[in-house]
Protein backbone atom coordinates (compact mmCIF):
# COMPACT_ATOMS: atom_id res chain seq x y z
CA MET A 1 3.96 -25.55 32.98
CA LEU A 2 2.55 -26.94 36.20
CA GLY A 3 4.45 -25.50 39.10
CA LEU A 4 6.28 -22.96 36.93
CA VAL A 5 3.53 -20.40 36.51
CA THR A 6 4.15 -17.29 38.63
CA GLU A 7 1.97 -14.23 39.13
CA ASN A 8 4.28 -12.40 36.72
CA LEU A 9 3.20 -14.64 33.81
CA ARG A 10 0.28 -13.04 32.00
CA ALA A 11 -0.33 -15.41 29.07
CA VAL A 12 1.10 -18.19 26.88
CA ALA A 13 0.13 -18.91 23.28
CA ILE A 14 1.31 -21.52 20.78
CA ASP A 15 1.89 -21.01 17.05
CA VAL A 16 2.24 -24.35 15.26
CA SER A 17 3.37 -24.68 11.66
CA PRO A 18 4.80 -27.65 9.72
CA ASP A 19 8.41 -26.66 10.40
CA ARG A 20 8.26 -25.10 13.86
CA ILE A 21 6.44 -24.32 17.06
CA VAL A 22 6.67 -20.84 18.54
CA VAL A 23 5.69 -20.44 22.18
CA HIS A 24 4.73 -16.84 22.99
CA PHE A 25 5.05 -15.71 26.61
CA ALA A 26 3.68 -12.45 28.04
CA PHE A 27 5.09 -11.35 31.40
CA GLY A 28 4.38 -8.32 33.56
CA GLU A 29 8.13 -7.79 33.38
CA ILE A 30 10.86 -10.11 32.15
CA ARG A 31 13.08 -11.17 35.05
CA PRO A 32 16.02 -13.60 35.06
CA ALA A 33 13.94 -16.16 36.97
CA ASP A 34 11.26 -15.96 34.27
CA ARG A 35 13.85 -16.68 31.57
CA GLU A 36 14.92 -19.76 33.53
CA ASP A 37 11.29 -20.90 33.81
CA VAL A 38 10.86 -20.50 30.04
CA GLU A 39 13.95 -22.65 29.45
CA ASP A 40 12.50 -25.32 31.77
CA ILE A 41 9.11 -25.21 30.04
CA LEU A 42 10.68 -25.51 26.59
CA GLY A 43 12.93 -28.34 27.77
CA ASP A 44 9.87 -30.22 29.01
CA LEU A 45 8.13 -29.61 25.67
CA VAL A 46 11.13 -30.99 23.77
CA ALA A 47 11.09 -34.08 25.98
CA LEU A 48 7.36 -34.51 25.39
CA LEU A 49 7.84 -34.28 21.62
CA SER A 50 10.92 -36.53 21.51
CA ASN A 51 8.89 -39.55 20.36
CA GLU A 52 7.12 -37.63 17.60
CA ASP A 53 8.08 -37.92 13.93
CA LEU A 54 9.11 -34.30 13.38
CA PRO A 55 10.38 -32.95 10.04
CA THR A 56 14.09 -32.46 9.47
CA GLY A 57 15.07 -28.97 10.52
CA TRP A 58 12.07 -28.63 12.82
CA ALA A 59 12.50 -25.79 15.32
CA LEU A 60 11.15 -24.77 18.70
CA GLU A 61 11.24 -21.03 19.29
CA GLU A 62 10.00 -18.63 21.93
CA THR A 63 9.13 -14.98 22.24
CA LEU A 64 9.15 -13.13 25.55
CA TYR A 65 7.05 -10.02 25.79
CA ALA A 66 6.72 -7.56 28.67
CA GLY A 67 3.11 -6.46 28.91
CA ASN A 68 -0.41 -7.81 28.88
CA ALA A 69 -2.00 -10.17 26.39
CA ASP A 70 -3.38 -7.31 24.35
CA ASP A 71 -3.20 -6.22 20.71
CA ALA A 72 0.54 -5.46 20.98
CA TRP A 73 1.46 -8.98 22.15
CA PRO A 74 2.95 -11.15 19.37
CA GLY A 75 0.97 -14.15 20.65
CA ARG A 76 -2.42 -12.44 20.38
CA ASP A 77 -3.53 -14.29 17.23
CA HIS A 78 -2.38 -17.76 18.25
CA ARG A 79 -3.79 -20.57 20.38
CA ARG A 80 -3.78 -19.40 24.00
CA VAL A 81 -2.96 -22.16 26.44
CA PHE A 82 -2.78 -19.95 29.52
CA GLU A 83 -4.05 -16.51 30.44
CA SER A 84 -4.24 -14.97 33.90
CA LYS A 85 -6.80 -12.43 34.96
CA LYS A 86 -3.93 -9.93 35.07
CA GLY A 87 -3.15 -10.77 31.46
CA ARG A 88 -6.57 -9.61 30.34
CA LEU A 89 -7.20 -6.80 32.78
CA GLY A 90 -3.74 -5.32 33.22
């Protein structure tokens, strides 16, 4: 995510299970440029995992949420890998 994090990004969390990884993004608002950044981030993650022995049918998914990293965010209960001060404070 280095170089791709903008002020609009509030938080990122990862949900890992045996058959998939879900990357949860919280944005202040979801803009076309943010969607492009998410695609770049996920592409980099796929490249990073390309040498791993992943199960057949393994999936990489994402959720994009407009709002803060609060109780309504789908990523709230998963491993947070990034959170801005705006993500916590609104």
